[in-house]
């Protein structure tokens, strides 16, 4: 599925959305990695069997649009007004109402407005100054399941260096201010949710979680 992307747009000093179209990349390594990510995510969505999905940190809306095409009512939010504008353009291009995308920070999520059977928050927590506040916000809106993922460190740094990226930052992707190993991320999330299953699509850690009653 081809969508418009931000192409490295910066808002409030933060790179928003995707710097390049990783979903349609012809690079065999990128395609292999994205296929692994999609397989893990799709498996978790199938296990959650949601009637509604809310993606927090939706970027340009790729997954929200995919889920709607599969018949699952899905919506998304992102802190960036610029990237939500792009997501709405992508939504209109596919005959969906632009209102499926709303500008909202993870810190501002409200139970009455933002709750869904399944909440998805992939590639977000590593950007947050206060990831624990982010997890507390996700607790408020997760009715049945949460899917959350982050880059697996130090593997992420190493792979960036191996492809000659971000050398002066020792392989750290711009905007990544939190860094977790698989074990450390599982420990953090388990303080707020019950973890149902762990997947490791290279080079991420992805968790399927239930809210703690």
C-alpha atoms as a PDB file:
ATOM      1  CA  UNK A   1       0.000   0.000   0.000  1.00  0.00           C
ATOM      2  CA  UNK A   2       1.496   3.300  -1.107  1.00  0.00           C
ATOM      3  CA  UNK A   3       0.958   6.324   1.123  1.00  0.00           C
ATOM      4  CA  UNK A   4       2.230   9.866   1.422  1.00  0.00           C
ATOM      5  CA  UNK A   5       4.936  10.199   4.087  1.00  0.00           C
ATOM      6  CA  UNK A   6       6.420  13.098   5.982  1.00  0.00           C
ATOM      7  CA  UNK A   7       9.909  12.582   4.544  1.00  0.00           C
ATOM      8  CA  UNK A   8      11.733  13.736   7.664  1.00  0.00           C
ATOM      9  CA  UNK A   9       9.516  16.716   8.543  1.00  0.00           C
ATOM     10  CA  UNK A  10      10.479  18.334  11.847  1.00  0.00           C
ATOM     11  CA  UNK A  11       7.941  19.703  14.320  1.00  0.00           C
ATOM     12  CA  UNK A  12       8.882  21.260  17.658  1.00  0.00           C
ATOM     13  CA  UNK A  13      12.422  20.005  17.095  1.00  0.00           C
ATOM     14  CA  UNK A  14      11.281  16.388  16.638  1.00  0.00           C
ATOM     15  CA  UNK A  15      11.354  14.346  13.427  1.00  0.00           C
ATOM     16  CA  UNK A  16       7.741  13.243  12.846  1.00  0.00           C
ATOM     17  CA  UNK A  17       6.376  10.383  10.788  1.00  0.00           C
ATOM     18  CA  UNK A  18       8.711   8.432   8.522  1.00  0.00           C
ATOM     19  CA  UNK A  19      11.846   9.857   6.949  1.00  0.00           C
ATOM     20  CA  UNK A  20      11.410   7.450   4.029  1.00  0.00           C
ATOM     21  CA  UNK A  21       8.735   5.030   2.803  1.00  0.00           C
ATOM     22  CA  UNK A  22       9.845   1.868   4.583  1.00  0.00           C
ATOM     23  CA  UNK A  23       6.523   0.207   3.759  1.00  0.00           C
ATOM     24  CA  UNK A  24       7.198   0.270   0.004  1.00  0.00           C
ATOM     25  CA  UNK A  25      10.991   0.006   0.122  1.00  0.00           C
ATOM     26  CA  UNK A  26      12.615  -2.196  -2.516  1.00  0.00           C
ATOM     27  CA  UNK A  27      15.710  -2.685  -0.350  1.00  0.00           C
ATOM     28  CA  UNK A  28      15.739  -6.435   0.404  1.00  0.00           C
ATOM     29  CA  UNK A  29      16.965  -5.971   3.979  1.00  0.00           C
ATOM     30  CA  UNK A  30      14.334  -3.339   4.762  1.00  0.00           C
ATOM     31  CA  UNK A  31      11.648  -5.503   3.160  1.00  0.00           C
ATOM     32  CA  UNK A  32      12.744  -8.512   5.211  1.00  0.00           C
ATOM     33  CA  UNK A  33      12.646  -6.485   8.427  1.00  0.00           C
ATOM     34  CA  UNK A  34       9.259  -4.930   7.652  1.00  0.00           C
ATOM     35  CA  UNK A  35       7.814  -8.315   6.711  1.00  0.00           C
ATOM     36  CA  UNK A  36       8.898  -9.617  10.104  1.00  0.00           C
ATOM     37  CA  UNK A  37       7.362  -6.636  11.881  1.00  0.00           C
ATOM     38  CA  UNK A  38       4.096  -6.944   9.935  1.00  0.00           C
ATOM     39  CA  UNK A  39       3.888 -10.680  10.578  1.00  0.00           C
ATOM     40  CA  UNK A  40       4.313 -10.209  14.335  1.00  0.00           C
ATOM     41  CA  UNK A  41       1.865  -7.312  14.479  1.00  0.00           C
ATOM     42  CA  UNK A  42      -0.759  -9.077  12.366  1.00  0.00           C
ATOM     43  CA  UNK A  43      -0.516 -12.195  14.511  1.00  0.00           C
ATOM     44  CA  UNK A  44      -1.079 -10.179  17.679  1.00  0.00           C
ATOM     45  CA  UNK A  45      -4.033  -8.311  16.137  1.00  0.00           C
ATOM     46  CA  UNK A  46      -5.585 -11.633  15.119  1.00  0.00           C
ATOM     47  CA  UNK A  47      -5.165 -12.981  18.668  1.00  0.00           C
ATOM     48  CA  UNK A  48      -6.752  -9.843  20.132  1.00  0.00           C
ATOM     49  CA  UNK A  49      -9.675 -10.145  17.666  1.00  0.00           C
ATOM     50  CA  UNK A  50     -10.726  -6.541  18.314  1.00  0.00           C
ATOM     51  CA  UNK A  51     -13.937  -4.816  17.327  1.00  0.00           C
ATOM     52  CA  UNK A  52     -12.160  -1.456  17.520  1.00  0.00           C
ATOM     53  CA  UNK A  53      -8.515  -0.350  17.313  1.00  0.00           C
ATOM     54  CA  UNK A  54      -6.885   2.919  18.367  1.00  0.00           C
ATOM     55  CA  UNK A  55      -3.294   3.429  17.248  1.00  0.00           C
ATOM     56  CA  UNK A  56      -1.439   5.915  19.438  1.00  0.00           C
ATOM     57  CA  UNK A  57       1.424   7.487  17.500  1.00  0.00           C
ATOM     58  CA  UNK A  58      -0.073   6.598  14.126  1.00  0.00           C
ATOM     59  CA  UNK A  59       2.261   8.709  11.971  1.00  0.00           C
ATOM     60  CA  UNK A  60       0.963   8.928   8.412  1.00  0.00           C
ATOM     61  CA  UNK A  61      -1.685   6.315   9.139  1.00  0.00           C
ATOM     62  CA  UNK A  62      -0.409   3.220   7.333  1.00  0.00           C
ATOM     63  CA  UNK A  63      -1.665   0.627   9.819  1.00  0.00           C
ATOM     64  CA  UNK A  64      -4.946   2.401  10.573  1.00  0.00           C
ATOM     65  CA  UNK A  65      -5.732   2.427   6.861  1.00  0.00           C
ATOM     66  CA  UNK A  66      -4.746  -1.230   6.518  1.00  0.00           C
ATOM     67  CA  UNK A  67      -6.997  -2.293   9.380  1.00  0.00           C
ATOM     68  CA  UNK A  68      -9.936  -0.354   7.976  1.00  0.00           C
ATOM     69  CA  UNK A  69      -9.394  -2.053   4.621  1.00  0.00           C
ATOM     70  CA  UNK A  70      -9.574  -5.382   6.472  1.00  0.00           C
ATOM     71  CA  UNK A  71     -12.920  -4.365   7.963  1.00  0.00           C
ATOM     72  CA  UNK A  72     -11.741  -3.489  11.474  1.00  0.00           C
ATOM     73  CA  UNK A  73     -12.876  -0.017  12.581  1.00  0.00           C
ATOM     74  CA  UNK A  74      -9.608   1.728  13.430  1.00  0.00           C
ATOM     75  CA  UNK A  75      -8.523   5.274  14.218  1.00  0.00           C
ATOM     76  CA  UNK A  76      -5.277   6.939  15.096  1.00  0.00           C
ATOM     77  CA  UNK A  77      -3.742   9.870  16.898  1.00  0.00           C
ATOM     78  CA  UNK A  78      -0.345  11.550  16.881  1.00  0.00           C
ATOM     79  CA  UNK A  79       1.076  14.573  18.682  1.00  0.00           C
ATOM     80  CA  UNK A  80       2.113  16.115  15.363  1.00  0.00           C
ATOM     81  CA  UNK A  81      -0.380  18.361  13.558  1.00  0.00           C
ATOM     82  CA  UNK A  82       1.781  18.100  10.434  1.00  0.00           C
ATOM     83  CA  UNK A  83       1.773  14.315  10.295  1.00  0.00           C
ATOM     84  CA  UNK A  84      -1.961  14.137  11.068  1.00  0.00           C
ATOM     85  CA  UNK A  85      -2.555  16.413   8.071  1.00  0.00           C
ATOM     86  CA  UNK A  86      -0.715  13.866   5.909  1.00  0.00           C
ATOM     87  CA  UNK A  87      -2.626  10.970   7.500  1.00  0.00           C
ATOM     88  CA  UNK A  88      -5.908  12.706   6.701  1.00  0.00           C
ATOM     89  CA  UNK A  89      -4.833  13.161   3.085  1.00  0.00           C
ATOM     90  CA  UNK A  90      -4.034   9.446   2.925  1.00  0.00           C
ATOM     91  CA  UNK A  91      -7.418   8.695   4.463  1.00  0.00           C
ATOM     92  CA  UNK A  92      -9.310  10.811   1.917  1.00  0.00           C
ATOM     93  CA  UNK A  93      -7.373   9.140  -0.915  1.00  0.00           C
ATOM     94  CA  UNK A  94      -8.844   5.830   0.262  1.00  0.00           C
ATOM     95  CA  UNK A  95     -12.397   7.040   0.739  1.00  0.00           C
ATOM     96  CA  UNK A  96     -12.262   7.148   4.532  1.00  0.00           C
ATOM     97  CA  UNK A  97     -13.285  10.151   6.633  1.00  0.00           C
ATOM     98  CA  UNK A  98     -10.316  12.291   7.714  1.00  0.00           C
ATOM     99  CA  UNK A  99     -11.719  12.294  11.253  1.00  0.00           C
ATOM    100  CA  UNK A 100     -10.305   8.798  11.826  1.00  0.00           C
ATOM    101  CA  UNK A 101      -7.093  10.706  12.565  1.00  0.00           C
ATOM    102  CA  UNK A 102      -6.835  13.223  15.396  1.00  0.00           C
ATOM    103  CA  UNK A 103      -3.932  15.322  16.714  1.00  0.00           C
ATOM    104  CA  UNK A 104      -3.317  14.223  20.296  1.00  0.00           C
ATOM    105  CA  UNK A 105      -0.316  13.548  22.482  1.00  0.00           C
ATOM    106  CA  UNK A 106      -0.085  10.240  24.302  1.00  0.00           C
ATOM    107  CA  UNK A 107      -0.001  12.248  27.526  1.00  0.00           C
ATOM    108  CA  UNK A 108      -3.426  13.752  26.748  1.00  0.00           C
ATOM    109  CA  UNK A 109      -5.360  10.527  26.142  1.00  0.00           C
ATOM    110  CA  UNK A 110      -8.799  10.423  27.756  1.00  0.00           C
ATOM    111  CA  UNK A 111     -10.716   7.294  28.688  1.00  0.00           C
ATOM    112  CA  UNK A 112     -14.060   8.644  27.463  1.00  0.00           C
ATOM    113  CA  UNK A 113     -12.733   9.723  24.051  1.00  0.00           C
ATOM    114  CA  UNK A 114      -9.869   7.375  23.227  1.00  0.00           C
ATOM    115  CA  UNK A 115     -10.669   3.906  24.577  1.00  0.00           C
ATOM    116  CA  UNK A 116     -10.722   0.892  22.253  1.00  0.00           C
ATOM    117  CA  UNK A 117     -10.744  -2.897  22.461  1.00  0.00           C
ATOM    118  CA  UNK A 118      -7.178  -2.923  21.153  1.00  0.00           C
ATOM    119  CA  UNK A 119      -4.679  -0.107  21.599  1.00  0.00           C
ATOM    120  CA  UNK A 120      -1.542  -0.191  19.444  1.00  0.00           C
ATOM    121  CA  UNK A 121       1.499   1.898  20.357  1.00  0.00           C
ATOM    122  CA  UNK A 122       4.469   0.920  18.194  1.00  0.00           C
ATOM    123  CA  UNK A 123       7.700   2.896  17.872  1.00  0.00           C
ATOM    124  CA  UNK A 124       6.549   5.613  20.287  1.00  0.00           C
ATOM    125  CA  UNK A 125       7.876   5.064  23.804  1.00  0.00           C
ATOM    126  CA  UNK A 126      11.520   5.447  22.755  1.00  0.00           C
ATOM    127  CA  UNK A 127      10.723   9.056  21.792  1.00  0.00           C
ATOM    128  CA  UNK A 128       9.174  10.022  25.143  1.00  0.00           C
ATOM    129  CA  UNK A 129      10.873  11.948  27.915  1.00  0.00           C
ATOM    130  CA  UNK A 130       8.518  10.197  30.357  1.00  0.00           C
ATOM    131  CA  UNK A 131       7.654   6.722  29.024  1.00  0.00           C
ATOM    132  CA  UNK A 132       6.099   5.684  32.330  1.00  0.00           C
ATOM    133  CA  UNK A 133       3.591   8.530  32.022  1.00  0.00           C
ATOM    134  CA  UNK A 134       2.904   7.238  28.521  1.00  0.00           C
ATOM    135  CA  UNK A 135       2.208   3.747  29.858  1.00  0.00           C
ATOM    136  CA  UNK A 136      -0.109   5.144  32.518  1.00  0.00           C
ATOM    137  CA  UNK A 137      -2.014   6.988  29.789  1.00  0.00           C
ATOM    138  CA  UNK A 138      -2.302   3.764  27.790  1.00  0.00           C
ATOM    139  CA  UNK A 139      -3.717   2.023  30.866  1.00  0.00           C
ATOM    140  CA  UNK A 140      -6.656   4.443  30.829  1.00  0.00           C
ATOM    141  CA  UNK A 141      -7.774   3.613  27.303  1.00  0.00           C
ATOM    142  CA  UNK A 142      -6.967  -0.102  26.892  1.00  0.00           C
ATOM    143  CA  UNK A 143     -10.169  -2.108  27.239  1.00  0.00           C
ATOM    144  CA  UNK A 144      -8.966  -5.572  26.197  1.00  0.00           C
ATOM    145  CA  UNK A 145      -5.448  -5.631  24.722  1.00  0.00           C
ATOM    146  CA  UNK A 146      -2.390  -3.454  24.137  1.00  0.00           C
ATOM    147  CA  UNK A 147       0.307  -4.042  21.512  1.00  0.00           C
ATOM    148  CA  UNK A 148       3.488  -2.090  22.139  1.00  0.00           C
ATOM    149  CA  UNK A 149       6.901  -2.219  20.482  1.00  0.00           C
ATOM    150  CA  UNK A 150      10.281  -0.496  20.690  1.00  0.00           C
ATOM    151  CA  UNK A 151      13.697  -0.952  19.028  1.00  0.00           C
ATOM    152  CA  UNK A 152      15.770  -3.662  20.700  1.00  0.00           C
ATOM    153  CA  UNK A 153      19.040  -2.276  22.021  1.00  0.00           C
ATOM    154  CA  UNK A 154      21.957  -2.394  21.559  1.00  0.00           C
ATOM    155  CA  UNK A 155      21.103  -4.288  18.364  1.00  0.00           C
ATOM    156  CA  UNK A 156      19.376  -1.242  16.851  1.00  0.00           C
ATOM    157  CA  UNK A 157      22.506   0.895  17.265  1.00  0.00           C
ATOM    158  CA  UNK A 158      24.708  -1.838  15.809  1.00  0.00           C
ATOM    159  CA  UNK A 159      22.538  -2.310  12.727  1.00  0.00           C
ATOM    160  CA  UNK A 160      22.465   1.424  12.071  1.00  0.00           C
ATOM    161  CA  UNK A 161      26.248   1.550  12.264  1.00  0.00           C
ATOM    162  CA  UNK A 162      26.516  -1.490   9.996  1.00  0.00           C
ATOM    163  CA  UNK A 163      24.600   0.322   7.277  1.00  0.00           C
ATOM    164  CA  UNK A 164      26.614   3.507   7.774  1.00  0.00           C
ATOM    165  CA  UNK A 165      23.864   5.545   9.425  1.00  0.00           C
ATOM    166  CA  UNK A 166      24.157   8.030  12.315  1.00  0.00           C
ATOM    167  CA  UNK A 167      27.868   7.413  12.764  1.00  0.00           C
ATOM    168  CA  UNK A 168      28.451  10.529  14.856  1.00  0.00           C
ATOM    169  CA  UNK A 169      25.589   9.465  17.148  1.00  0.00           C
ATOM    170  CA  UNK A 170      27.067   5.951  17.514  1.00  0.00           C
ATOM    171  CA  UNK A 171      24.119   4.518  15.609  1.00  0.00           C
ATOM    172  CA  UNK A 172      21.363   6.200  17.600  1.00  0.00           C
ATOM    173  CA  UNK A 173      18.394   7.192  15.464  1.00  0.00           C
ATOM    174  CA  UNK A 174      17.573  10.910  15.859  1.00  0.00           C
ATOM    175  CA  UNK A 175      14.743  11.351  18.331  1.00  0.00           C
ATOM    176  CA  UNK A 176      15.353   8.099  20.215  1.00  0.00           C
ATOM    177  CA  UNK A 177      15.955   9.211  23.787  1.00  0.00           C
ATOM    178  CA  UNK A 178      15.054   5.939  25.555  1.00  0.00           C
ATOM    179  CA  UNK A 179      16.859   2.652  24.962  1.00  0.00           C
ATOM    180  CA  UNK A 180      15.795  -0.784  26.194  1.00  0.00           C
ATOM    181  CA  UNK A 181      17.050  -4.316  25.880  1.00  0.00           C
ATOM    182  CA  UNK A 182      14.363  -6.964  25.529  1.00  0.00           C
ATOM    183  CA  UNK A 183      14.589  -7.810  29.214  1.00  0.00           C
ATOM    184  CA  UNK A 184      14.498  -4.190  30.375  1.00  0.00           C
ATOM    185  CA  UNK A 185      11.481  -3.372  28.213  1.00  0.00           C
ATOM    186  CA  UNK A 186       9.548  -6.416  29.405  1.00  0.00           C
ATOM    187  CA  UNK A 187      10.320  -5.437  33.011  1.00  0.00           C
ATOM    188  CA  UNK A 188       9.096  -1.871  32.447  1.00  0.00           C
ATOM    189  CA  UNK A 189       5.834  -2.771  30.723  1.00  0.00           C
ATOM    190  CA  UNK A 190       5.059  -5.553  33.206  1.00  0.00           C
ATOM    191  CA  UNK A 191       4.808  -2.907  35.919  1.00  0.00           C
ATOM    192  CA  UNK A 192       1.679  -1.586  34.182  1.00  0.00           C
ATOM    193  CA  UNK A 193       0.229  -4.487  32.150  1.00  0.00           C
ATOM    194  CA  UNK A 194       0.066  -8.265  32.207  1.00  0.00           C
ATOM    195  CA  UNK A 195       2.177  -9.548  29.324  1.00  0.00           C
ATOM    196  CA  UNK A 196       0.462 -12.244  27.278  1.00  0.00           C
ATOM    197  CA  UNK A 197       3.130 -12.895  24.650  1.00  0.00           C
ATOM    198  CA  UNK A 198       6.505 -11.585  23.472  1.00  0.00           C
ATOM    199  CA  UNK A 199       7.726 -11.476  19.875  1.00  0.00           C
ATOM    200  CA  UNK A 200      11.135 -10.413  18.613  1.00  0.00           C
ATOM    201  CA  UNK A 201      10.899  -9.382  14.957  1.00  0.00           C
ATOM    202  CA  UNK A 202      14.422  -8.222  14.202  1.00  0.00           C
ATOM    203  CA  UNK A 203      15.319  -5.609  15.451  1.00  0.00           C
ATOM    204  CA  UNK A 204      12.298  -4.889  17.693  1.00  0.00           C
ATOM    205  CA  UNK A 205      10.707  -6.117  20.892  1.00  0.00           C
ATOM    206  CA  UNK A 206       6.925  -6.414  20.554  1.00  0.00           C
ATOM    207  CA  UNK A 207       4.537  -7.264  23.392  1.00  0.00           C
ATOM    208  CA  UNK A 208       0.893  -8.314  23.523  1.00  0.00           C
ATOM    209  CA  UNK A 209      -0.538  -7.206  26.868  1.00  0.00           C
ATOM    210  CA  UNK A 210      -3.741  -7.222  28.888  1.00  0.00           C
ATOM    211  CA  UNK A 211      -4.764  -4.462  31.296  1.00  0.00           C
ATOM    212  CA  UNK A 212      -4.260  -5.409  34.898  1.00  0.00           C
ATOM    213  CA  UNK A 213      -7.580  -5.712  36.703  1.00  0.00           C
END
